[in-house]
Amino acid sequence: MEYQTLLVSVEEKVATIRLNRPEALNALNSALLAELAAALGALDADPGVHAIVLTGSEKAFAAGADVREMSEKSFAEVFGEEMFNASFDAIGRCRKPIIAAVAGFCLGGGCELAMACDFVIAADSAKFGQPEINLGIIPGLGGTQRLPRLVGRAKAMDLILTGRFMEAEEAERAGLAARVVPAADLLAEADKAARAIAAKSPVAVKAAKEAVHRAEETPLREGVLFERRLFQALFATADQKEGMAAFLAKRAPRFEGR
């Protein structure tokens, strides 16, 4: 499939999606989000893809939602259209791990997009923020919900109410970014992480992702029980037998996803 706002490639079980609206600093609009939803759906269904890297440009991962598209809309239009939401929700439906490789501006809807991924690798040039308050609105793609879960209530309030930007090092300390790397190494590091994931059992990877996400939505007792059942269920897979046999034989495992 050809895309107007994305560049998509697949190499050795790793898919890379690059947001491609350079004239607007990759601002998220309806067209981009619809194409992103379609791309993620196709890659999720592709058995040859085991991990996904989502990135932007050196200047901006995504500088926010497209204000030009939103500015003249009424409440009835935004409410009736569920503007951006249906496409954005496709990220959460993707069962394969998504790594956000972030350089430059990662603001508003862009920050929400990065937080919706499974983890963030940030360039030392990255700047995160939820500056919607400066436009007389609040985050609308999960920012008020995901940011406190990642960085805590106090820092989330600070960012959302003041609209200030957070540098990459602070984002790593706060828990928003998993790691920070030199900007020149960003894509190589993200690709390395994706390839490490892609080399694992795809069944176990999906189970691990599902279990970690469940931790955000259930009490500890229920989450531990969910984890335990997935752990036990993996003993019905050929990959579990291969992984343990390979460990005992001191050789590399050959996972087949079954």
C-alpha atoms as a PDB file:
ATOM      1  CA  MET A   1       0.000   0.000   0.000  1.00  0.00           C
ATOM      2  CA  GLU A   2       1.222   3.507  -0.812  1.00  0.00           C
ATOM      3  CA  TYR A   3       0.912   6.233   1.821  1.00  0.00           C
ATOM      4  CA  GLN A   4       0.844  10.002   1.457  1.00  0.00           C
ATOM      5  CA  THR A   5       1.931  10.893   4.987  1.00  0.00           C
ATOM      6  CA  LEU A   6       4.054   7.902   6.002  1.00  0.00           C
ATOM      7  CA  LEU A   7       7.154   6.062   4.834  1.00  0.00           C
ATOM      8  CA  VAL A   8       6.932   2.349   5.667  1.00  0.00           C
ATOM      9  CA  SER A   9       9.636  -0.279   5.252  1.00  0.00           C
ATOM     10  CA  VAL A  10      10.213  -3.834   6.492  1.00  0.00           C
ATOM     11  CA  GLU A  11      13.583  -5.481   6.931  1.00  0.00           C
ATOM     12  CA  GLU A  12      14.399  -8.707   8.758  1.00  0.00           C
ATOM     13  CA  LYS A  13      11.196  -8.876  10.829  1.00  0.00           C
ATOM     14  CA  VAL A  14      11.371  -5.189  11.832  1.00  0.00           C
ATOM     15  CA  ALA A  15       9.001  -2.620  10.342  1.00  0.00           C
ATOM     16  CA  THR A  16       9.831   1.084  10.411  1.00  0.00           C
ATOM     17  CA  ILE A  17       7.117   3.718  10.088  1.00  0.00           C
ATOM     18  CA  ARG A  18       8.306   7.279   9.549  1.00  0.00           C
ATOM     19  CA  LEU A  19       5.832  10.141   9.906  1.00  0.00           C
ATOM     20  CA  ASN A  20       6.257  12.211   6.764  1.00  0.00           C
ATOM     21  CA  ARG A  21       4.661  15.659   6.933  1.00  0.00           C
ATOM     22  CA  PRO A  22       7.881  17.717   7.035  1.00  0.00           C
ATOM     23  CA  GLU A  23       6.136  20.932   6.031  1.00  0.00           C
ATOM     24  CA  ALA A  24       4.081  20.747   9.250  1.00  0.00           C
ATOM     25  CA  LEU A  25       6.703  19.231  11.594  1.00  0.00           C
ATOM     26  CA  ASN A  26       4.746  15.969  11.344  1.00  0.00           C
ATOM     27  CA  ALA A  27       1.679  17.491  12.992  1.00  0.00           C
ATOM     28  CA  LEU A  28      -1.022  14.863  13.349  1.00  0.00           C
ATOM     29  CA  ASN A  29      -4.058  15.351  11.134  1.00  0.00           C
ATOM     30  CA  SER A  30      -6.922  13.071  10.152  1.00  0.00           C
ATOM     31  CA  ALA A  31      -5.170  11.820   7.024  1.00  0.00           C
ATOM     32  CA  LEU A  32      -1.956  10.903   8.826  1.00  0.00           C
ATOM     33  CA  LEU A  33      -3.720   9.143  11.681  1.00  0.00           C
ATOM     34  CA  ALA A  34      -5.961   7.201   9.286  1.00  0.00           C
ATOM     35  CA  GLU A  35      -2.903   6.041   7.352  1.00  0.00           C
ATOM     36  CA  LEU A  36      -1.090   5.173  10.582  1.00  0.00           C
ATOM     37  CA  ALA A  37      -4.055   3.069  11.696  1.00  0.00           C
ATOM     38  CA  ALA A  38      -4.086   1.267   8.332  1.00  0.00           C
ATOM     39  CA  ALA A  39      -0.323   0.686   8.404  1.00  0.00           C
ATOM     40  CA  LEU A  40      -0.352  -0.694  11.939  1.00  0.00           C
ATOM     41  CA  GLY A  41      -3.265  -2.976  11.087  1.00  0.00           C
ATOM     42  CA  ALA A  42      -1.424  -4.352   8.065  1.00  0.00           C
ATOM     43  CA  LEU A  43       1.843  -4.844   9.954  1.00  0.00           C
ATOM     44  CA  ASP A  44       0.065  -6.454  12.897  1.00  0.00           C
ATOM     45  CA  ALA A  45      -1.448  -8.987  10.492  1.00  0.00           C
ATOM     46  CA  ASP A  46       1.865  -9.655   8.713  1.00  0.00           C
ATOM     47  CA  PRO A  47       3.533 -12.792  10.141  1.00  0.00           C
ATOM     48  CA  GLY A  48       6.860 -11.553   8.778  1.00  0.00           C
ATOM     49  CA  VAL A  49       6.856  -8.549  11.125  1.00  0.00           C
ATOM     50  CA  HIS A  50       7.741  -9.084  14.786  1.00  0.00           C
ATOM     51  CA  ALA A  51       8.453  -5.519  15.999  1.00  0.00           C
ATOM     52  CA  ILE A  52       7.726  -1.969  14.846  1.00  0.00           C
ATOM     53  CA  VAL A  53       9.709   1.270  15.117  1.00  0.00           C
ATOM     54  CA  LEU A  54       7.728   4.509  14.851  1.00  0.00           C
ATOM     55  CA  THR A  55       9.738   7.659  14.203  1.00  0.00           C
ATOM     56  CA  GLY A  56       9.640  11.123  12.685  1.00  0.00           C
ATOM     57  CA  SER A  57      12.403  13.453  11.525  1.00  0.00           C
ATOM     58  CA  GLU A  58      15.498  14.832  13.204  1.00  0.00           C
ATOM     59  CA  LYS A  59      13.626  18.085  13.803  1.00  0.00           C
ATOM     60  CA  ALA A  60      10.328  16.666  15.045  1.00  0.00           C
ATOM     61  CA  PHE A  61       8.824  13.332  15.970  1.00  0.00           C
ATOM     62  CA  ALA A  62       5.481  15.157  15.843  1.00  0.00           C
ATOM     63  CA  ALA A  63       4.971  18.739  16.938  1.00  0.00           C
ATOM     64  CA  GLY A  64       1.354  18.220  17.985  1.00  0.00           C
ATOM     65  CA  ALA A  65      -2.054  17.842  16.412  1.00  0.00           C
ATOM     66  CA  ASP A  66      -2.771  19.981  13.361  1.00  0.00           C
ATOM     67  CA  VAL A  67      -4.179  23.224  14.800  1.00  0.00           C
ATOM     68  CA  ARG A  68      -5.211  24.429  11.354  1.00  0.00           C
ATOM     69  CA  GLU A  69      -7.512  21.416  10.982  1.00  0.00           C
ATOM     70  CA  MET A  70      -9.025  21.887  14.445  1.00  0.00           C
ATOM     71  CA  SER A  71      -9.280  25.641  14.884  1.00  0.00           C
ATOM     72  CA  GLU A  72     -12.706  26.308  13.346  1.00  0.00           C
ATOM     73  CA  LYS A  73     -14.497  23.192  14.560  1.00  0.00           C
ATOM     74  CA  SER A  74     -17.416  23.445  16.974  1.00  0.00           C
ATOM     75  CA  PHE A  75     -18.064  21.255  20.002  1.00  0.00           C
ATOM     76  CA  ALA A  76     -20.797  19.428  18.083  1.00  0.00           C
ATOM     77  CA  GLU A  77     -18.376  18.639  15.247  1.00  0.00           C
ATOM     78  CA  VAL A  78     -15.538  17.480  17.480  1.00  0.00           C
ATOM     79  CA  PHE A  79     -17.900  15.440  19.651  1.00  0.00           C
ATOM     80  CA  GLY A  80     -19.827  13.961  16.754  1.00  0.00           C
ATOM     81  CA  GLU A  81     -16.757  13.079  14.693  1.00  0.00           C
ATOM     82  CA  GLU A  82     -14.755  11.760  17.677  1.00  0.00           C
ATOM     83  CA  MET A  83     -11.990  13.687  15.948  1.00  0.00           C
ATOM     84  CA  PHE A  84      -8.770  11.651  15.659  1.00  0.00           C
ATOM     85  CA  ASN A  85      -9.896   9.110  18.266  1.00  0.00           C
ATOM     86  CA  ALA A  86     -10.904   6.112  16.141  1.00  0.00           C
ATOM     87  CA  SER A  87      -7.638   6.152  14.217  1.00  0.00           C
ATOM     88  CA  PHE A  88      -5.568   6.783  17.351  1.00  0.00           C
ATOM     89  CA  ASP A  89      -7.157   3.823  19.123  1.00  0.00           C
ATOM     90  CA  ALA A  90      -5.656   1.520  16.472  1.00  0.00           C
ATOM     91  CA  ILE A  91      -2.305   1.894  18.234  1.00  0.00           C
ATOM     92  CA  GLY A  92      -3.683   0.181  21.315  1.00  0.00           C
ATOM     93  CA  ARG A  93      -5.059  -2.670  19.214  1.00  0.00           C
ATOM     94  CA  CYS A  94      -1.649  -3.545  17.760  1.00  0.00           C
ATOM     95  CA  ARG A  95      -0.383  -6.672  19.517  1.00  0.00           C
ATOM     96  CA  LYS A  96       3.194  -6.328  18.302  1.00  0.00           C
ATOM     97  CA  PRO A  97       5.655  -4.135  20.220  1.00  0.00           C
ATOM     98  CA  ILE A  98       5.941  -0.541  18.998  1.00  0.00           C
ATOM     99  CA  ILE A  99       9.072   1.456  19.851  1.00  0.00           C
ATOM    100  CA  ALA A 100       8.837   5.227  19.529  1.00  0.00           C
ATOM    101  CA  ALA A 101      12.178   6.636  18.326  1.00  0.00           C
ATOM    102  CA  VAL A 102      11.907  10.318  19.222  1.00  0.00           C
ATOM    103  CA  ALA A 103      14.077  13.213  18.110  1.00  0.00           C
ATOM    104  CA  GLY A 104      13.297  16.910  18.199  1.00  0.00           C
ATOM    105  CA  PHE A 105       9.863  18.172  19.130  1.00  0.00           C
ATOM    106  CA  CYS A 106       7.467  15.619  20.624  1.00  0.00           C
ATOM    107  CA  LEU A 107       4.595  17.816  21.751  1.00  0.00           C
ATOM    108  CA  GLY A 108       0.860  17.613  22.345  1.00  0.00           C
ATOM    109  CA  GLY A 109      -0.589  14.874  20.182  1.00  0.00           C
ATOM    110  CA  GLY A 110       2.947  13.834  19.273  1.00  0.00           C
ATOM    111  CA  CYS A 111       3.791  13.222  22.921  1.00  0.00           C
ATOM    112  CA  GLU A 112       0.526  11.329  23.311  1.00  0.00           C
ATOM    113  CA  LEU A 113       1.433   9.223  20.274  1.00  0.00           C
ATOM    114  CA  ALA A 114       4.833   8.395  21.753  1.00  0.00           C
ATOM    115  CA  MET A 115       3.254   7.485  25.108  1.00  0.00           C
ATOM    116  CA  ALA A 116       0.789   5.170  23.363  1.00  0.00           C
ATOM    117  CA  CYS A 117       3.731   3.137  22.055  1.00  0.00           C
ATOM    118  CA  ASP A 118       5.264   0.424  24.230  1.00  0.00           C
ATOM    119  CA  PHE A 119       8.392   2.387  25.080  1.00  0.00           C
ATOM    120  CA  VAL A 120      10.333   5.445  23.982  1.00  0.00           C
ATOM    121  CA  ILE A 121      13.961   5.711  22.941  1.00  0.00           C
ATOM    122  CA  ALA A 122      14.812   9.403  22.874  1.00  0.00           C
ATOM    123  CA  ALA A 123      17.555  11.300  21.103  1.00  0.00           C
ATOM    124  CA  ASP A 124      19.371  13.805  23.280  1.00  0.00           C
ATOM    125  CA  SER A 125      17.705  16.467  21.107  1.00  0.00           C
ATOM    126  CA  ALA A 126      14.173  15.395  22.068  1.00  0.00           C
ATOM    127  CA  LYS A 127      11.773  17.820  23.743  1.00  0.00           C
ATOM    128  CA  PHE A 128       8.537  16.496  25.249  1.00  0.00           C
ATOM    129  CA  GLY A 129       5.484  18.448  26.339  1.00  0.00           C
ATOM    130  CA  GLN A 130       1.718  18.815  26.523  1.00  0.00           C
ATOM    131  CA  PRO A 131       1.278  22.518  25.715  1.00  0.00           C
ATOM    132  CA  GLU A 132      -2.426  22.342  24.810  1.00  0.00           C
ATOM    133  CA  ILE A 133      -3.205  24.680  27.713  1.00  0.00           C
ATOM    134  CA  ASN A 134      -1.653  27.476  25.635  1.00  0.00           C
ATOM    135  CA  LEU A 135      -4.433  26.960  23.063  1.00  0.00           C
ATOM    136  CA  GLY A 136      -7.229  27.063  25.609  1.00  0.00           C
ATOM    137  CA  ILE A 137      -7.747  23.286  25.551  1.00  0.00           C
ATOM    138  CA  ILE A 138      -6.355  20.185  27.271  1.00  0.00           C
ATOM    139  CA  PRO A 139      -4.745  17.008  25.904  1.00  0.00           C
ATOM    140  CA  GLY A 140      -7.337  14.935  24.064  1.00  0.00           C
ATOM    141  CA  LEU A 141      -5.550  11.763  22.991  1.00  0.00           C
ATOM    142  CA  GLY A 142      -4.834  10.293  26.413  1.00  0.00           C
ATOM    143  CA  GLY A 143      -2.260  12.753  27.712  1.00  0.00           C
ATOM    144  CA  THR A 144      -4.002  13.455  31.027  1.00  0.00           C
ATOM    145  CA  GLN A 145      -4.248   9.707  31.642  1.00  0.00           C
ATOM    146  CA  ARG A 146      -0.979   8.227  30.343  1.00  0.00           C
ATOM    147  CA  LEU A 147       1.379  10.987  31.488  1.00  0.00           C
ATOM    148  CA  PRO A 148       0.565  10.654  35.238  1.00  0.00           C
ATOM    149  CA  ARG A 149       0.972   6.885  34.960  1.00  0.00           C
ATOM    150  CA  LEU A 150       4.440   7.346  33.489  1.00  0.00           C
ATOM    151  CA  VAL A 151       5.874  10.333  35.363  1.00  0.00           C
ATOM    152  CA  GLY A 152       3.621  10.720  38.419  1.00  0.00           C
ATOM    153  CA  ARG A 153       0.884  13.192  39.271  1.00  0.00           C
ATOM    154  CA  ALA A 154       3.074  16.148  40.267  1.00  0.00           C
ATOM    155  CA  LYS A 155       5.211  16.250  37.131  1.00  0.00           C
ATOM    156  CA  ALA A 156       2.210  15.555  34.903  1.00  0.00           C
ATOM    157  CA  MET A 157       0.377  18.496  36.481  1.00  0.00           C
ATOM    158  CA  ASP A 158       3.458  20.678  36.027  1.00  0.00           C
ATOM    159  CA  LEU A 159       3.743  19.851  32.321  1.00  0.00           C
ATOM    160  CA  ILE A 160       0.034  19.998  31.513  1.00  0.00           C
ATOM    161  CA  LEU A 161      -0.801  23.157  33.486  1.00  0.00           C
ATOM    162  CA  THR A 162       2.266  25.228  32.580  1.00  0.00           C
ATOM    163  CA  GLY A 163       2.748  23.916  29.053  1.00  0.00           C
ATOM    164  CA  ARG A 164       6.526  23.775  29.539  1.00  0.00           C
ATOM    165  CA  PHE A 165       8.783  21.445  27.573  1.00  0.00           C
ATOM    166  CA  MET A 166      10.807  18.622  29.130  1.00  0.00           C
ATOM    167  CA  GLU A 167      14.286  17.835  27.826  1.00  0.00           C
ATOM    168  CA  ALA A 168      15.294  14.263  27.046  1.00  0.00           C
ATOM    169  CA  GLU A 169      17.376  13.751  30.197  1.00  0.00           C
ATOM    170  CA  GLU A 170      14.498  14.842  32.434  1.00  0.00           C
ATOM    171  CA  ALA A 171      12.129  12.600  30.463  1.00  0.00           C
ATOM    172  CA  GLU A 172      14.381   9.618  31.123  1.00  0.00           C
ATOM    173  CA  ARG A 173      14.690  10.406  34.834  1.00  0.00           C
ATOM    174  CA  ALA A 174      10.908  10.806  35.102  1.00  0.00           C
ATOM    175  CA  GLY A 175      10.142   7.523  33.338  1.00  0.00           C
ATOM    176  CA  LEU A 176       8.721   8.865  30.080  1.00  0.00           C
ATOM    177  CA  ALA A 177      11.727   7.711  28.031  1.00  0.00           C
ATOM    178  CA  ALA A 178      13.289   4.302  28.508  1.00  0.00           C
ATOM    179  CA  ARG A 179      16.704   5.554  27.420  1.00  0.00           C
ATOM    180  CA  VAL A 180      18.439   8.549  25.849  1.00  0.00           C
ATOM    181  CA  VAL A 181      21.017   8.198  23.074  1.00  0.00           C
ATOM    182  CA  PRO A 182      22.965  10.629  20.881  1.00  0.00           C
ATOM    183  CA  ALA A 183      20.766  11.941  18.078  1.00  0.00           C
ATOM    184  CA  ALA A 184      23.071  10.455  15.443  1.00  0.00           C
ATOM    185  CA  ASP A 185      22.558   6.985  16.950  1.00  0.00           C
ATOM    186  CA  LEU A 186      18.786   7.125  17.472  1.00  0.00           C
ATOM    187  CA  LEU A 187      17.556   4.984  14.595  1.00  0.00           C
ATOM    188  CA  ALA A 188      20.402   2.499  14.976  1.00  0.00           C
ATOM    189  CA  GLU A 189      19.603   2.054  18.682  1.00  0.00           C
ATOM    190  CA  ALA A 190      15.867   1.731  18.039  1.00  0.00           C
ATOM    191  CA  ASP A 191      16.511  -0.786  15.269  1.00  0.00           C
ATOM    192  CA  LYS A 192      18.863  -2.736  17.554  1.00  0.00           C
ATOM    193  CA  ALA A 193      16.187  -2.897  20.257  1.00  0.00           C
ATOM    194  CA  ALA A 194      13.541  -3.936  17.721  1.00  0.00           C
ATOM    195  CA  ARG A 195      15.785  -6.664  16.335  1.00  0.00           C
ATOM    196  CA  ALA A 196      16.442  -7.957  19.847  1.00  0.00           C
ATOM    197  CA  ILE A 197      12.673  -8.227  20.369  1.00  0.00           C
ATOM    198  CA  ALA A 198      12.137  -9.753  16.918  1.00  0.00           C
ATOM    199  CA  ALA A 199      14.589 -12.532  17.766  1.00  0.00           C
ATOM    200  CA  LYS A 200      12.430 -13.685  20.679  1.00  0.00           C
ATOM    201  CA  SER A 201       9.392 -15.958  20.575  1.00  0.00           C
ATOM    202  CA  PRO A 202       6.603 -13.843  19.032  1.00  0.00           C
ATOM    203  CA  VAL A 203       4.059 -15.707  21.151  1.00  0.00           C
ATOM    204  CA  ALA A 204       5.903 -14.868  24.370  1.00  0.00           C
ATOM    205  CA  VAL A 205       6.457 -11.251  23.261  1.00  0.00           C
ATOM    206  CA  LYS A 206       2.740 -10.731  22.660  1.00  0.00           C
ATOM    207  CA  ALA A 207       1.930 -12.316  26.019  1.00  0.00           C
ATOM    208  CA  ALA A 208       4.467 -10.112  27.804  1.00  0.00           C
ATOM    209  CA  LYS A 209       3.114  -6.960  26.171  1.00  0.00           C
ATOM    210  CA  GLU A 210      -0.454  -7.900  27.082  1.00  0.00           C
ATOM    211  CA  ALA A 211       0.496  -8.633  30.693  1.00  0.00           C
ATOM    212  CA  VAL A 212       2.367  -5.346  31.174  1.00  0.00           C
ATOM    213  CA  HIS A 213      -0.518  -3.342  29.706  1.00  0.00           C
ATOM    214  CA  ARG A 214      -2.919  -5.180  32.008  1.00  0.00           C
ATOM    215  CA  ALA A 215      -0.918  -3.821  34.963  1.00  0.00           C
ATOM    216  CA  GLU A 216      -2.164  -0.323  34.112  1.00  0.00           C
ATOM    217  CA  GLU A 217      -5.809  -1.365  34.199  1.00  0.00           C
ATOM    218  CA  THR A 218      -6.290  -3.849  37.046  1.00  0.00           C
ATOM    219  CA  PRO A 219      -5.580  -4.198  40.783  1.00  0.00           C
ATOM    220  CA  LEU A 220      -2.335  -5.994  41.656  1.00  0.00           C
ATOM    221  CA  ARG A 221      -4.034  -9.231  42.710  1.00  0.00           C
ATOM    222  CA  GLU A 222      -5.916  -9.535  39.393  1.00  0.00           C
ATOM    223  CA  GLY A 223      -2.853  -8.518  37.398  1.00  0.00           C
ATOM    224  CA  VAL A 224      -0.678 -11.161  39.042  1.00  0.00           C
ATOM    225  CA  LEU A 225      -3.316 -13.812  38.356  1.00  0.00           C
ATOM    226  CA  PHE A 226      -3.501 -12.727  34.699  1.00  0.00           C
ATOM    227  CA  GLU A 227       0.290 -12.927  34.429  1.00  0.00           C
ATOM    228  CA  ARG A 228       0.307 -16.372  36.048  1.00  0.00           C
ATOM    229  CA  ARG A 229      -2.223 -17.755  33.565  1.00  0.00           C
ATOM    230  CA  LEU A 230      -0.282 -16.407  30.584  1.00  0.00           C
ATOM    231  CA  PHE A 231       2.947 -17.815  32.035  1.00  0.00           C
ATOM    232  CA  GLN A 232       1.321 -21.219  32.403  1.00  0.00           C
ATOM    233  CA  ALA A 233      -0.270 -21.084  28.945  1.00  0.00           C
ATOM    234  CA  LEU A 234       3.119 -20.550  27.290  1.00  0.00           C
ATOM    235  CA  PHE A 235       4.085 -24.065  28.384  1.00  0.00           C
ATOM    236  CA  ALA A 236       1.704 -25.277  25.674  1.00  0.00           C
ATOM    237  CA  THR A 237       3.840 -23.672  22.951  1.00  0.00           C
ATOM    238  CA  ALA A 238       6.621 -25.166  20.849  1.00  0.00           C
ATOM    239  CA  ASP A 239       8.645 -21.994  21.447  1.00  0.00           C
ATOM    240  CA  GLN A 240       8.783 -22.699  25.179  1.00  0.00           C
ATOM    241  CA  LYS A 241      10.109 -26.219  24.540  1.00  0.00           C
ATOM    242  CA  GLU A 242      12.655 -24.858  22.041  1.00  0.00           C
ATOM    243  CA  GLY A 243      13.743 -21.988  24.297  1.00  0.00           C
ATOM    244  CA  MET A 244      14.417 -24.197  27.308  1.00  0.00           C
ATOM    245  CA  ALA A 245      16.031 -26.957  25.238  1.00  0.00           C
ATOM    246  CA  ALA A 246      18.334 -24.402  23.630  1.00  0.00           C
ATOM    247  CA  PHE A 247      19.264 -22.976  27.031  1.00  0.00           C
ATOM    248  CA  LEU A 248      20.175 -26.404  28.367  1.00  0.00           C
ATOM    249  CA  ALA A 249      22.112 -27.248  25.210  1.00  0.00           C
ATOM    250  CA  LYS A 250      23.895 -23.864  25.355  1.00  0.00           C
ATOM    251  CA  ARG A 251      22.865 -22.881  21.823  1.00  0.00           C
ATOM    252  CA  ALA A 252      20.801 -20.088  20.288  1.00  0.00           C
ATOM    253  CA  PRO A 253      17.049 -20.846  20.163  1.00  0.00           C
ATOM    254  CA  ARG A 254      15.175 -21.112  16.878  1.00  0.00           C
ATOM    255  CA  PHE A 255      11.722 -19.694  17.605  1.00  0.00           C
ATOM    256  CA  GLU A 256       8.890 -20.323  15.146  1.00  0.00           C
ATOM    257  CA  GLY A 257       5.992 -18.498  16.754  1.00  0.00           C
ATOM    258  CA  ARG A 258       3.951 -21.537  17.668  1.00  0.00           C
END
